[in-house]
Amino acid sequence: MSVKTMIFVDGAWLYHGRQALFEALNEQEGFEIDYKRIPELIAHDISEWLGTDVDIVRTCYFGTVPAIRPGYNPAKQRAFYDFLAMQCAYDTEIVENDPRRDPQPRTEDKSVHVALASAMMQYAAIPGAFDVAALIGGDADYIPLLRRVRNFGKRVQLVAINNVGGRFTTSAALLTTPGIQDLPPIFLDEHAKDIRLVREEQRRPCKNCGKEEATTWAGPDFFCADCRGTHRKQLRACDTCGREEETAWDKPYFYCSECRREHRQEVRPT
């Protein structure tokens, strides 16, 4: 009989902690997380420790998105959440922070903490919903939650990130407090190579002319180089600075070459 496991992802924590994964591989740029591999990694680890099959019942992802932020277009962020739901089969719960409704809104982290804790407790109270709860997060705020989930007779595993390059991504209290974990923690930085997204090159026919071309693009629609230059190119305004630039990019969000360059410099390790 397989062990039912549910995964609860603190999306805000994982986003802010991903720099440690870059540094674990000494990456300068271009590192992306393969979100489809994370449930596989957890299932394999639990199976190794318990010596039984593991059924990932659900992967629940909790994130936030600003309703209003001057100079910020949330389209890219929303597209990422749609990708998790539609391509990775995650259950996503996205908290919308709107200062118009709440003049003193909670921080992103607190909003996610409340949403995640509520969901984990709800499922823990449903008989047979899961046997093991895997928390992908690193804040000490989750200590009372994990204690109470274990009081329901559930097992708990922590999926964390080690202190890499002087970054204390995971709370020491969360790692060392007794009575809140039943399995050894998984450290994502130790598995950075396993969860790194590798875009495999393949030959695909152009949606417009039918010509085949080698590409790493995995989206539903593919256009060859010629058609991208003639069929799809258009003048678009940058969502950050408003500068217009000709592009074949067809996603809901668009950033000009200058803003893309500045963003890459900001996330590059110093």
Protein backbone atom coordinates (compact mmCIF):
# COMPACT_ATOMS: atom_id res chain seq x y z
CA MET A 1 0.00 0.00 0.00
CA SER A 2 1.47 3.37 -1.02
CA VAL A 3 2.05 6.27 1.34
CA LYS A 4 -0.14 9.24 0.49
CA THR A 5 1.90 12.44 0.43
CA MET A 6 0.86 16.04 -0.02
CA ILE A 7 3.37 18.78 -0.78
CA PHE A 8 2.89 22.35 0.43
CA VAL A 9 5.08 24.95 -1.28
CA ASP A 10 5.81 28.37 0.22
CA GLY A 11 6.22 30.08 -3.14
CA ALA A 12 7.48 33.36 -1.71
CA TRP A 13 10.22 31.57 0.25
CA LEU A 14 11.26 29.44 -2.72
CA TYR A 15 11.42 32.48 -4.99
CA HIS A 16 13.62 34.44 -2.59
CA GLY A 17 15.78 31.40 -1.82
CA ARG A 18 16.45 30.37 -5.40
CA GLN A 19 19.67 32.45 -5.45
CA ALA A 20 21.18 29.83 -3.14
CA LEU A 21 20.47 27.20 -5.79
CA PHE A 22 22.27 29.34 -8.38
CA GLU A 23 25.29 29.58 -6.11
CA ALA A 24 25.24 25.86 -5.32
CA LEU A 25 26.01 25.25 -9.01
CA ASN A 26 28.20 28.35 -9.36
CA GLU A 27 25.75 29.65 -11.95
CA GLN A 28 26.02 33.21 -13.17
CA GLU A 29 22.76 33.27 -15.10
CA GLY A 30 20.32 31.06 -16.92
CA PHE A 31 19.39 28.72 -14.05
CA GLU A 32 15.72 27.75 -13.93
CA ILE A 33 13.92 25.36 -11.59
CA ASP A 34 12.16 22.39 -13.16
CA TYR A 35 9.00 22.42 -11.05
CA LYS A 36 7.89 19.07 -12.46
CA ARG A 37 10.93 17.40 -10.89
CA ILE A 38 10.31 18.60 -7.33
CA PRO A 39 7.45 16.17 -6.54
CA GLU A 40 9.50 13.35 -8.11
CA LEU A 41 12.47 14.21 -5.88
CA ILE A 42 10.33 14.19 -2.73
CA ALA A 43 8.56 10.94 -3.65
CA HIS A 44 11.89 9.20 -4.28
CA ASP A 45 13.37 10.38 -0.96
CA ILE A 46 10.34 9.33 1.12
CA SER A 47 10.22 5.98 -0.67
CA GLU A 48 13.90 5.38 0.15
CA TRP A 49 13.40 6.12 3.84
CA LEU A 50 10.12 4.25 4.35
CA GLY A 51 10.78 1.40 1.93
CA THR A 52 7.41 1.65 0.23
CA ASP A 53 5.71 3.23 -2.78
CA VAL A 54 4.74 6.89 -2.50
CA ASP A 55 1.66 8.48 -4.03
CA ILE A 56 1.90 12.27 -4.42
CA VAL A 57 -1.75 13.09 -3.89
CA ARG A 58 -1.41 16.82 -4.47
CA THR A 59 1.20 19.56 -4.76
CA CYS A 60 -0.15 22.81 -3.34
CA TYR A 61 1.63 26.05 -4.25
CA PHE A 62 0.98 29.30 -2.38
CA GLY A 63 2.00 32.66 -3.80
CA THR A 64 1.02 36.30 -3.98
CA VAL A 65 0.44 38.85 -6.70
CA PRO A 66 0.02 42.62 -6.30
CA ALA A 67 -3.29 44.03 -7.50
CA ILE A 68 -1.66 47.45 -7.92
CA ARG A 69 2.00 48.40 -7.92
CA PRO A 70 3.17 51.50 -9.78
CA GLY A 71 5.50 50.59 -12.64
CA TYR A 72 4.90 46.85 -12.26
CA ASN A 73 2.93 44.61 -14.61
CA PRO A 74 1.92 41.32 -12.93
CA ALA A 75 1.20 39.56 -16.25
CA LYS A 76 4.48 37.60 -16.18
CA GLN A 77 3.87 36.52 -12.59
CA ARG A 78 0.32 35.40 -13.40
CA ALA A 79 1.58 33.52 -16.47
CA PHE A 80 4.02 31.63 -14.21
CA TYR A 81 1.20 30.62 -11.86
CA ASP A 82 -0.85 29.46 -14.85
CA PHE A 83 2.14 27.39 -15.98
CA LEU A 84 2.34 25.68 -12.58
CA ALA A 85 -1.37 24.87 -12.66
CA MET A 86 -1.69 23.80 -16.29
CA GLN A 87 1.72 22.29 -17.13
CA CYS A 88 2.92 21.02 -13.74
CA ALA A 89 -0.46 19.96 -12.23
CA TYR A 90 0.06 22.09 -9.10
CA ASP A 91 -2.91 23.30 -7.09
CA THR A 92 -2.21 27.03 -6.86
CA GLU A 93 -3.63 29.41 -4.27
CA ILE A 94 -2.61 32.97 -5.07
CA VAL A 95 -3.26 35.74 -2.57
CA GLU A 96 -3.92 39.11 -4.20
CA ASN A 97 -2.55 42.00 -2.15
CA ASP A 98 -4.70 45.06 -2.81
CA PRO A 99 -3.89 48.24 -0.81
CA ARG A 100 -7.21 49.72 -1.93
CA ARG A 101 -9.07 47.21 0.23
CA ASP A 102 -6.53 46.98 3.05
CA PRO A 103 -4.56 50.15 3.84
CA GLN A 104 -2.20 48.07 6.01
CA PRO A 105 -1.75 44.87 3.97
CA ARG A 106 0.27 41.94 5.26
CA THR A 107 3.66 41.25 3.78
CA GLU A 108 3.93 38.65 1.02
CA ASP A 109 5.45 36.12 3.41
CA LYS A 110 2.69 36.43 6.03
CA SER A 111 -0.07 36.10 3.43
CA VAL A 112 1.48 32.90 2.14
CA HIS A 113 2.08 31.54 5.65
CA VAL A 114 -1.59 31.93 6.59
CA ALA A 115 -2.86 30.39 3.35
CA LEU A 116 -0.48 27.43 3.55
CA ALA A 117 -1.13 26.73 7.23
CA SER A 118 -4.90 26.85 6.71
CA ALA A 119 -4.73 24.38 3.83
CA MET A 120 -2.40 21.93 5.59
CA MET A 121 -4.58 21.88 8.70
CA GLN A 122 -7.73 21.44 6.60
CA TYR A 123 -6.33 18.40 4.78
CA ALA A 124 -4.85 16.98 7.99
CA ALA A 125 -8.35 16.98 9.50
CA ILE A 126 -9.79 14.99 6.57
CA PRO A 127 -9.42 11.25 7.28
CA GLY A 128 -7.22 9.56 4.68
CA ALA A 129 -6.31 12.75 2.81
CA PHE A 130 -2.59 12.20 3.34
CA ASP A 131 -0.09 10.27 5.45
CA VAL A 132 2.92 12.57 4.99
CA ALA A 133 3.00 16.36 4.64
CA ALA A 134 6.11 17.71 2.90
CA LEU A 135 6.68 21.40 3.58
CA ILE A 136 8.82 23.34 1.13
CA GLY A 137 9.64 26.37 3.25
CA GLY A 138 12.14 27.76 5.68
CA ASP A 139 10.47 30.06 8.21
CA ALA A 140 10.21 29.38 11.94
CA ASP A 141 6.58 30.54 11.80
CA TYR A 142 5.70 27.02 10.62
CA ILE A 143 6.85 25.28 13.82
CA PRO A 144 3.41 25.38 15.59
CA LEU A 145 1.74 24.22 12.37
CA LEU A 146 3.97 21.17 12.03
CA ARG A 147 3.41 20.22 15.68
CA ARG A 148 -0.36 20.33 15.24
CA VAL A 149 -0.29 18.38 12.00
CA ARG A 150 1.69 15.64 13.75
CA ASN A 151 -0.97 15.65 16.50
CA PHE A 152 -3.37 14.41 13.82
CA GLY A 153 -1.13 11.36 13.41
CA LYS A 154 0.51 12.61 10.22
CA ARG A 155 4.20 12.46 9.37
CA VAL A 156 6.09 15.58 8.39
CA GLN A 157 9.09 16.16 6.16
CA LEU A 158 10.87 19.47 5.66
CA VAL A 159 12.24 20.46 2.25
CA ALA A 160 14.72 23.27 2.87
CA ILE A 161 17.88 24.98 1.59
CA ASN A 162 21.21 24.91 3.40
CA ASN A 163 23.14 28.02 4.34
CA VAL A 164 24.88 28.70 1.01
CA GLY A 165 27.31 31.57 0.48
CA GLY A 166 26.39 33.24 3.77
CA ARG A 167 22.67 33.16 3.01
CA PHE A 168 20.62 31.85 5.93
CA THR A 169 17.71 30.70 3.80
CA THR A 170 16.24 28.23 6.30
CA SER A 171 15.62 29.06 9.94
CA ALA A 172 17.91 27.19 12.32
CA ALA A 173 14.97 26.81 14.71
CA LEU A 174 12.92 25.06 12.03
CA LEU A 175 15.73 22.58 11.42
CA THR A 176 16.59 21.86 15.07
CA THR A 177 13.31 22.09 17.01
CA PRO A 178 12.40 18.58 18.25
CA GLY A 179 9.00 17.03 17.63
CA ILE A 180 8.18 18.60 14.26
CA GLN A 181 9.81 16.22 11.73
CA ASP A 182 9.51 12.49 11.14
CA LEU A 183 11.91 12.15 8.22
CA PRO A 184 15.33 13.67 7.55
CA PRO A 185 15.01 16.99 5.68
CA ILE A 186 15.68 17.28 1.96
CA PHE A 187 18.03 20.14 1.04
CA LEU A 188 17.27 21.45 -2.43
CA ASP A 189 20.78 22.87 -2.88
CA GLU A 190 22.14 19.32 -2.62
CA HIS A 191 19.85 18.35 -5.51
CA ALA A 192 20.27 21.51 -7.60
CA LYS A 193 21.45 19.50 -10.60
CA ASP A 194 18.42 17.24 -10.35
CA ILE A 195 15.87 20.06 -10.30
CA ARG A 196 17.59 22.28 -12.84
CA LEU A 197 15.44 22.81 -15.92
CA VAL A 198 17.19 21.49 -19.02
CA ARG A 199 15.66 22.59 -22.27
CA GLU A 200 16.21 19.78 -24.77
CA GLU A 201 16.66 20.68 -28.42
CA GLN A 202 14.24 19.08 -30.85
CA ARG A 203 13.00 19.63 -34.40
CA ARG A 204 9.53 21.15 -34.67
CA PRO A 205 7.39 22.24 -37.63
CA CYS A 206 6.55 25.92 -37.91
CA LYS A 207 2.89 26.66 -37.19
CA ASN A 208 2.80 29.16 -40.04
CA CYS A 209 4.78 27.61 -42.93
CA GLY A 210 5.41 24.03 -41.81
CA LYS A 211 9.20 24.29 -42.08
CA GLU A 212 11.05 22.21 -39.47
CA GLU A 213 13.69 23.86 -37.29
CA ALA A 214 15.74 22.87 -34.24
CA THR A 215 14.53 24.60 -31.07
CA THR A 216 14.43 24.35 -27.29
CA TRP A 217 11.01 26.08 -27.17
CA ALA A 218 8.50 23.75 -25.47
CA GLY A 219 5.41 25.96 -25.74
CA PRO A 220 2.32 24.89 -27.69
CA ASP A 221 2.98 27.16 -30.71
CA PHE A 222 6.28 27.22 -32.58
CA PHE A 223 7.32 29.58 -35.40
CA CYS A 224 10.55 29.25 -37.39
CA ALA A 225 13.10 32.08 -37.53
CA ASP A 226 11.71 33.45 -40.80
CA CYS A 227 8.12 33.54 -39.60
CA ARG A 228 9.08 35.00 -36.25
CA GLY A 229 10.70 37.85 -38.16
CA THR A 230 7.90 38.49 -40.63
CA HIS A 231 4.68 36.89 -39.43
CA ARG A 232 4.76 37.72 -35.73
CA LYS A 233 6.97 40.79 -35.33
CA GLN A 234 5.23 43.85 -33.94
CA LEU A 235 5.92 47.08 -32.08
CA ARG A 236 5.28 46.70 -28.34
CA ALA A 237 5.65 48.95 -25.31
CA CYS A 238 7.81 47.77 -22.39
CA ASP A 239 5.71 46.99 -19.30
CA THR A 240 8.36 48.56 -17.07
CA CYS A 241 9.54 51.75 -18.78
CA GLY A 242 7.09 52.18 -21.66
CA ARG A 243 9.80 52.19 -24.33
CA GLU A 244 8.60 50.80 -27.69
CA GLU A 245 10.59 48.06 -29.39
CA GLU A 246 9.96 45.71 -32.31
CA THR A 247 9.65 42.10 -31.16
CA ALA A 248 8.21 38.70 -32.00
CA TRP A 249 7.52 37.97 -28.31
CA ASP A 250 3.82 37.09 -27.99
CA LYS A 251 3.33 36.56 -24.25
CA PRO A 252 1.04 38.90 -22.24
CA TYR A 253 4.08 40.66 -20.75
CA PHE A 254 6.95 42.35 -22.58
CA TYR A 255 10.20 43.99 -21.42
CA CYS A 256 12.55 45.93 -23.67
CA SER A 257 16.20 44.95 -24.13
CA GLU A 258 17.41 47.61 -21.66
CA CYS A 259 15.10 46.46 -18.85
CA ARG A 260 15.97 42.80 -19.49
CA ARG A 261 19.68 43.66 -19.27
CA GLU A 262 19.23 45.58 -16.01
CA HIS A 263 17.21 42.72 -14.50
CA ARG A 264 19.91 40.17 -15.34
CA GLN A 265 22.54 42.39 -13.70
CA GLU A 266 20.42 42.67 -10.55
CA VAL A 267 20.02 38.92 -10.08
CA ARG A 268 23.63 38.08 -10.97
CA PRO A 269 25.67 37.06 -7.86
CA THR A 270 28.17 39.68 -6.67
